[in-house]
PDB file of N, CA and C in Angstrom:
ATOM      1  N   UNK A   1       7.028  16.256   5.585  1.00  0.00           N
ATOM      2  CA  UNK A   1       5.622  16.163   5.918  1.00  0.00           C
ATOM      3  C   UNK A   1       4.910  17.452   5.568  1.00  0.00           C
ATOM      4  N   UNK A   2       3.623  17.348   5.419  1.00  0.00           N
ATOM      5  CA  UNK A   2       2.807  18.526   5.149  1.00  0.00           C
ATOM      6  C   UNK A   2       2.739  19.403   6.388  1.00  0.00           C
ATOM      7  N   UNK A   3       2.262  20.619   6.207  1.00  0.00           N
ATOM      8  CA  UNK A   3       2.123  21.541   7.321  1.00  0.00           C
ATOM      9  C   UNK A   3       1.176  21.020   8.393  1.00  0.00           C
ATOM     10  N   UNK A   4       0.205  20.206   8.011  1.00  0.00           N
ATOM     11  CA  UNK A   4      -0.758  19.704   8.986  1.00  0.00           C
ATOM     12  C   UNK A   4      -0.290  18.410   9.656  1.00  0.00           C
ATOM     13  N   UNK A   5       0.992  18.073   9.500  1.00  0.00           N
ATOM     14  CA  UNK A   5       1.611  16.902  10.129  1.00  0.00           C
ATOM     15  C   UNK A   5       0.980  15.577   9.721  1.00  0.00           C
ATOM     16  N   UNK A   6       0.450  15.502   8.526  1.00  0.00           N
ATOM     17  CA  UNK A   6      -0.110  14.258   8.022  1.00  0.00           C
ATOM     18  C   UNK A   6       1.029  13.322   7.629  1.00  0.00           C
ATOM     19  N   UNK A   7       0.946  12.068   8.040  1.00  0.00           N
ATOM     20  CA  UNK A   7       1.986  11.089   7.738  1.00  0.00           C
ATOM     21  C   UNK A   7       1.934  10.686   6.265  1.00  0.00           C
ATOM     22  N   UNK A   8       3.100  10.483   5.692  1.00  0.00           N
ATOM     23  CA  UNK A   8       3.185  10.003   4.314  1.00  0.00           C
ATOM     24  C   UNK A   8       3.101   8.486   4.262  1.00  0.00           C
ATOM     25  N   UNK A   9       3.561   7.839   5.326  1.00  0.00           N
ATOM     26  CA  UNK A   9       3.531   6.386   5.386  1.00  0.00           C
ATOM     27  C   UNK A   9       2.365   5.899   6.226  1.00  0.00           C
ATOM     28  N   UNK A  10       1.726   4.833   5.748  1.00  0.00           N
ATOM     29  CA  UNK A  10       0.606   4.256   6.489  1.00  0.00           C
ATOM     30  C   UNK A  10       0.874   2.774   6.738  1.00  0.00           C
ATOM     31  N   UNK A  11       0.152   2.225   7.690  1.00  0.00           N
ATOM     32  CA  UNK A  11       0.309   0.822   8.058  1.00  0.00           C
ATOM     33  C   UNK A  11      -0.480  -0.088   7.110  1.00  0.00           C
ATOM     34  N   UNK A  12      -0.259  -1.375   7.270  1.00  0.00           N
ATOM     35  CA  UNK A  12      -1.013  -2.374   6.509  1.00  0.00           C
ATOM     36  C   UNK A  12      -2.515  -2.196   6.737  1.00  0.00           C
ATOM     37  N   UNK A  13      -2.907  -2.055   7.996  1.00  0.00           N
ATOM     38  CA  UNK A  13      -4.333  -1.933   8.319  1.00  0.00           C
ATOM     39  C   UNK A  13      -4.950  -0.671   7.721  1.00  0.00           C
ATOM     40  N   UNK A  14      -4.212   0.436   7.748  1.00  0.00           N
ATOM     41  CA  UNK A  14      -4.717   1.683   7.159  1.00  0.00           C
ATOM     42  C   UNK A  14      -4.858   1.545   5.645  1.00  0.00           C
ATOM     43  N   UNK A  15      -3.889   0.878   5.012  1.00  0.00           N
ATOM     44  CA  UNK A  15      -3.950   0.664   3.565  1.00  0.00           C
ATOM     45  C   UNK A  15      -5.117  -0.256   3.195  1.00  0.00           C
ATOM     46  N   UNK A  16      -5.389  -1.252   4.038  1.00  0.00           N
ATOM     47  CA  UNK A  16      -6.528  -2.146   3.810  1.00  0.00           C
ATOM     48  C   UNK A  16      -7.829  -1.357   3.793  1.00  0.00           C
ATOM     49  N   UNK A  17      -7.982  -0.464   4.744  1.00  0.00           N
ATOM     50  CA  UNK A  17      -9.191   0.360   4.810  1.00  0.00           C
ATOM     51  C   UNK A  17      -9.292   1.273   3.598  1.00  0.00           C
ATOM     52  N   UNK A  18      -8.155   1.833   3.182  1.00  0.00           N
ATOM     53  CA  UNK A  18      -8.140   2.745   2.045  1.00  0.00           C
ATOM     54  C   UNK A  18      -8.578   2.047   0.756  1.00  0.00           C
ATOM     55  N   UNK A  19      -8.110   0.810   0.544  1.00  0.00           N
ATOM     56  CA  UNK A  19      -8.450   0.074  -0.676  1.00  0.00           C
ATOM     57  C   UNK A  19      -9.668  -0.829  -0.522  1.00  0.00           C
ATOM     58  N   UNK A  20     -10.090  -1.071   0.713  1.00  0.00           N
ATOM     59  CA  UNK A  20     -11.241  -1.939   0.931  1.00  0.00           C
ATOM     60  C   UNK A  20     -10.941  -3.408   0.702  1.00  0.00           C
ATOM     61  N   UNK A  21      -9.729  -3.826   1.078  1.00  0.00           N
ATOM     62  CA  UNK A  21      -9.342  -5.230   0.916  1.00  0.00           C
ATOM     63  C   UNK A  21      -8.905  -5.797   2.264  1.00  0.00           C
ATOM     64  N   UNK A  22      -8.740  -7.106   2.313  1.00  0.00           N
ATOM     65  CA  UNK A  22      -8.344  -7.776   3.543  1.00  0.00           C
ATOM     66  C   UNK A  22      -6.847  -7.714   3.797  1.00  0.00           C
ATOM     67  N   UNK A  23      -6.493  -7.990   5.033  1.00  0.00           N
ATOM     68  CA  UNK A  23      -5.097  -7.946   5.470  1.00  0.00           C
ATOM     69  C   UNK A  23      -4.225  -8.973   4.737  1.00  0.00           C
ATOM     70  N   UNK A  24      -4.743 -10.185   4.530  1.00  0.00           N
ATOM     71  CA  UNK A  24      -3.950 -11.219   3.858  1.00  0.00           C
ATOM     72  C   UNK A  24      -3.585 -10.815   2.431  1.00  0.00           C
ATOM     73  N   UNK A  25      -4.545 -10.251   1.706  1.00  0.00           N
ATOM     74  CA  UNK A  25      -4.259  -9.799   0.343  1.00  0.00           C
ATOM     75  C   UNK A  25      -3.249  -8.662   0.356  1.00  0.00           C
ATOM     76  N   UNK A  26      -3.398  -7.722   1.280  1.00  0.00           N
ATOM     77  CA  UNK A  26      -2.455  -6.603   1.357  1.00  0.00           C
ATOM     78  C   UNK A  26      -1.044  -7.105   1.644  1.00  0.00           C
ATOM     79  N   UNK A  27      -0.916  -8.100   2.520  1.00  0.00           N
ATOM     80  CA  UNK A  27       0.404  -8.649   2.829  1.00  0.00           C
ATOM     81  C   UNK A  27       1.037  -9.306   1.607  1.00  0.00           C
ATOM     82  N   UNK A  28       0.224  -9.829   0.700  1.00  0.00           N
ATOM     83  CA  UNK A  28       0.751 -10.375  -0.553  1.00  0.00           C
ATOM     84  C   UNK A  28       1.128  -9.250  -1.514  1.00  0.00           C
ATOM     85  N   UNK A  29       0.305  -8.210  -1.579  1.00  0.00           N
ATOM     86  CA  UNK A  29       0.552  -7.108  -2.514  1.00  0.00           C
ATOM     87  C   UNK A  29       1.848  -6.361  -2.220  1.00  0.00           C
ATOM     88  N   UNK A  30       2.212  -6.242  -0.945  1.00  0.00           N
ATOM     89  CA  UNK A  30       3.424  -5.479  -0.626  1.00  0.00           C
ATOM     90  C   UNK A  30       4.679  -6.118  -1.201  1.00  0.00           C
ATOM     91  N   UNK A  31       4.588  -7.391  -1.602  1.00  0.00           N
ATOM     92  CA  UNK A  31       5.743  -8.071  -2.194  1.00  0.00           C
ATOM     93  C   UNK A  31       5.731  -8.038  -3.720  1.00  0.00           C
ATOM     94  N   UNK A  32       4.697  -7.431  -4.305  1.00  0.00           N
ATOM     95  CA  UNK A  32       4.620  -7.294  -5.762  1.00  0.00           C
ATOM     96  C   UNK A  32       5.573  -6.179  -6.197  1.00  0.00           C
ATOM     97  N   UNK A  33       6.358  -6.457  -7.238  1.00  0.00           N
ATOM     98  CA  UNK A  33       7.304  -5.454  -7.731  1.00  0.00           C
ATOM     99  C   UNK A  33       6.564  -4.188  -8.141  1.00  0.00           C
ATOM    100  N   UNK A  34       7.056  -3.053  -7.675  1.00  0.00           N
ATOM    101  CA  UNK A  34       6.458  -1.772  -8.015  1.00  0.00           C
ATOM    102  C   UNK A  34       5.438  -1.276  -7.008  1.00  0.00           C
ATOM    103  N   UNK A  35       5.056  -2.122  -6.043  1.00  0.00           N
ATOM    104  CA  UNK A  35       4.103  -1.692  -5.022  1.00  0.00           C
ATOM    105  C   UNK A  35       4.781  -0.658  -4.129  1.00  0.00           C
ATOM    106  N   UNK A  36       4.088   0.441  -3.819  1.00  0.00           N
ATOM    107  CA  UNK A  36       4.719   1.548  -3.086  1.00  0.00           C
ATOM    108  C   UNK A  36       4.854   1.295  -1.579  1.00  0.00           C
ATOM    109  N   UNK A  37       5.742   0.359  -1.242  1.00  0.00           N
ATOM    110  CA  UNK A  37       5.949   0.035   0.168  1.00  0.00           C
ATOM    111  C   UNK A  37       7.431  -0.160   0.451  1.00  0.00           C
ATOM    112  N   UNK A  38       7.785   0.065   1.695  1.00  0.00           N
ATOM    113  CA  UNK A  38       9.136  -0.196   2.182  1.00  0.00           C
ATOM    114  C   UNK A  38       9.000  -1.224   3.297  1.00  0.00           C
ATOM    115  N   UNK A  39       9.839  -2.257   3.241  1.00  0.00           N
ATOM    116  CA  UNK A  39       9.791  -3.303   4.254  1.00  0.00           C
ATOM    117  C   UNK A  39      11.094  -3.273   5.045  1.00  0.00           C
ATOM    118  N   UNK A  40      10.981  -3.053   6.339  1.00  0.00           N
ATOM    119  CA  UNK A  40      12.110  -3.066   7.261  1.00  0.00           C
ATOM    120  C   UNK A  40      11.920  -4.249   8.198  1.00  0.00           C
ATOM    121  N   UNK A  41      12.581  -5.354   7.884  1.00  0.00           N
ATOM    122  CA  UNK A  41      12.411  -6.588   8.651  1.00  0.00           C
ATOM    123  C   UNK A  41      10.933  -6.922   8.762  1.00  0.00           C
ATOM    124  N   UNK A  42      10.286  -6.683   9.895  1.00  0.00           N
ATOM    125  CA  UNK A  42       8.865  -7.015  10.056  1.00  0.00           C
ATOM    126  C   UNK A  42       7.961  -5.796   9.972  1.00  0.00           C
ATOM    127  N   UNK A  43       8.526  -4.622   9.783  1.00  0.00           N
ATOM    128  CA  UNK A  43       7.750  -3.377   9.703  1.00  0.00           C
ATOM    129  C   UNK A  43       7.539  -3.021   8.237  1.00  0.00           C
ATOM    130  N   UNK A  44       6.282  -2.777   7.864  1.00  0.00           N
ATOM    131  CA  UNK A  44       5.937  -2.414   6.489  1.00  0.00           C
ATOM    132  C   UNK A  44       5.296  -1.038   6.506  1.00  0.00           C
ATOM    133  N   UNK A  45       5.843  -0.144   5.689  1.00  0.00           N
ATOM    134  CA  UNK A  45       5.302   1.209   5.561  1.00  0.00           C
ATOM    135  C   UNK A  45       4.897   1.410   4.107  1.00  0.00           C
ATOM    136  N   UNK A  46       3.660   1.816   3.900  1.00  0.00           N
ATOM    137  CA  UNK A  46       3.123   2.015   2.556  1.00  0.00           C
ATOM    138  C   UNK A  46       2.977   3.504   2.295  1.00  0.00           C
ATOM    139  N   UNK A  47       3.437   3.945   1.124  1.00  0.00           N
ATOM    140  CA  UNK A  47       3.359   5.355   0.754  1.00  0.00           C
ATOM    141  C   UNK A  47       1.909   5.708   0.436  1.00  0.00           C
ATOM    142  N   UNK A  48       1.324   6.522   1.293  1.00  0.00           N
ATOM    143  CA  UNK A  48      -0.096   6.882   1.180  1.00  0.00           C
ATOM    144  C   UNK A  48      -0.400   7.638  -0.111  1.00  0.00           C
ATOM    145  N   UNK A  49       0.532   8.474  -0.563  1.00  0.00           N
ATOM    146  CA  UNK A  49       0.303   9.277  -1.767  1.00  0.00           C
ATOM    147  C   UNK A  49       0.435   8.464  -3.050  1.00  0.00           C
ATOM    148  N   UNK A  50       1.296   7.447  -3.053  1.00  0.00           N
ATOM    149  CA  UNK A  50       1.503   6.644  -4.257  1.00  0.00           C
ATOM    150  C   UNK A  50       0.542   5.465  -4.375  1.00  0.00           C
ATOM    151  N   UNK A  51      -0.098   5.076  -3.277  1.00  0.00           N
ATOM    152  CA  UNK A  51      -0.997   3.921  -3.304  1.00  0.00           C
ATOM    153  C   UNK A  51      -2.161   4.088  -4.286  1.00  0.00           C
ATOM    154  N   UNK A  52      -2.877   5.224  -4.286  1.00  0.00           N
ATOM    155  CA  UNK A  52      -3.968   5.378  -5.270  1.00  0.00           C
ATOM    156  C   UNK A  52      -3.474   5.327  -6.720  1.00  0.00           C
ATOM    157  N   UNK A  53      -2.295   5.890  -6.989  1.00  0.00           N
ATOM    158  CA  UNK A  53      -1.731   5.865  -8.341  1.00  0.00           C
ATOM    159  C   UNK A  53      -1.412   4.425  -8.746  1.00  0.00           C
ATOM    160  N   UNK A  54      -0.789   3.667  -7.836  1.00  0.00           N
ATOM    161  CA  UNK A  54      -0.475   2.268  -8.116  1.00  0.00           C
ATOM    162  C   UNK A  54      -1.758   1.497  -8.396  1.00  0.00           C
ATOM    163  N   UNK A  55      -2.780   1.734  -7.595  1.00  0.00           N
ATOM    164  CA  UNK A  55      -4.066   1.055  -7.763  1.00  0.00           C
ATOM    165  C   UNK A  55      -4.662   1.366  -9.132  1.00  0.00           C
ATOM    166  N   UNK A  56      -4.677   2.641  -9.508  1.00  0.00           N
ATOM    167  CA  UNK A  56      -5.232   3.047 -10.806  1.00  0.00           C
ATOM    168  C   UNK A  56      -4.476   2.404 -11.962  1.00  0.00           C
ATOM    169  N   UNK A  57      -3.146   2.370 -11.864  1.00  0.00           N
ATOM    170  CA  UNK A  57      -2.325   1.813 -12.939  1.00  0.00           C
ATOM    171  C   UNK A  57      -2.463   0.299 -13.053  1.00  0.00           C
ATOM    172  N   UNK A  58      -2.803  -0.367 -11.967  1.00  0.00           N
ATOM    173  CA  UNK A  58      -2.872  -1.825 -11.971  1.00  0.00           C
ATOM    174  C   UNK A  58      -4.291  -2.367 -11.976  1.00  0.00           C
ATOM    175  N   UNK A  59      -5.259  -1.492 -11.946  1.00  0.00           N
ATOM    176  CA  UNK A  59      -6.661  -1.903 -11.960  1.00  0.00           C
ATOM    177  C   UNK A  59      -6.970  -2.578 -13.299  1.00  0.00           C
ATOM    178  N   UNK A  60      -7.563  -3.740 -13.242  1.00  0.00           N
ATOM    179  CA  UNK A  60      -7.908  -4.457 -14.458  1.00  0.00           C
ATOM    180  C   UNK A  60      -6.845  -5.422 -14.933  1.00  0.00           C
ATOM    181  N   UNK A  61      -5.655  -5.357 -14.362  1.00  0.00           N
ATOM    182  CA  UNK A  61      -4.611  -6.310 -14.721  1.00  0.00           C
ATOM    183  C   UNK A  61      -4.900  -7.621 -14.017  1.00  0.00           C
ATOM    184  N   UNK A  62      -4.717  -8.690 -14.730  1.00  0.00           N
ATOM    185  CA  UNK A  62      -4.965 -10.007 -14.159  1.00  0.00           C
ATOM    186  C   UNK A  62      -3.731 -10.463 -13.403  1.00  0.00           C
ATOM    187  N   UNK A  63      -3.921 -10.917 -12.209  1.00  0.00           N
ATOM    188  CA  UNK A  63      -2.802 -11.425 -11.427  1.00  0.00           C
ATOM    189  C   UNK A  63      -3.287 -12.374 -10.353  1.00  0.00           C
ATOM    190  N   UNK A  64      -2.410 -13.230  -9.952  1.00  0.00           N
ATOM    191  CA  UNK A  64      -2.709 -14.156  -8.857  1.00  0.00           C
ATOM    192  C   UNK A  64      -1.976 -13.676  -7.629  1.00  0.00           C
ATOM    193  N   UNK A  65      -2.700 -13.091  -6.727  1.00  0.00           N
ATOM    194  CA  UNK A  65      -2.101 -12.588  -5.501  1.00  0.00           C
ATOM    195  C   UNK A  65      -2.526 -13.492  -4.399  1.00  0.00           C
TER     196      UNK A  65
END
């Protein structure tokens, strides 16, 4: 962790706010190959630092989520 104790992992709801999308879409995105998330049974942790990079790399790609 950083010196200021900022978490590297964020929740589904925090990621939704960061990207400005709904919870249902985010729950679909976490299952897309290459999405920066770890799923532990029912707990999903999204890498806060890699999420913007993933978004930039996938922006404009056509997909059915």
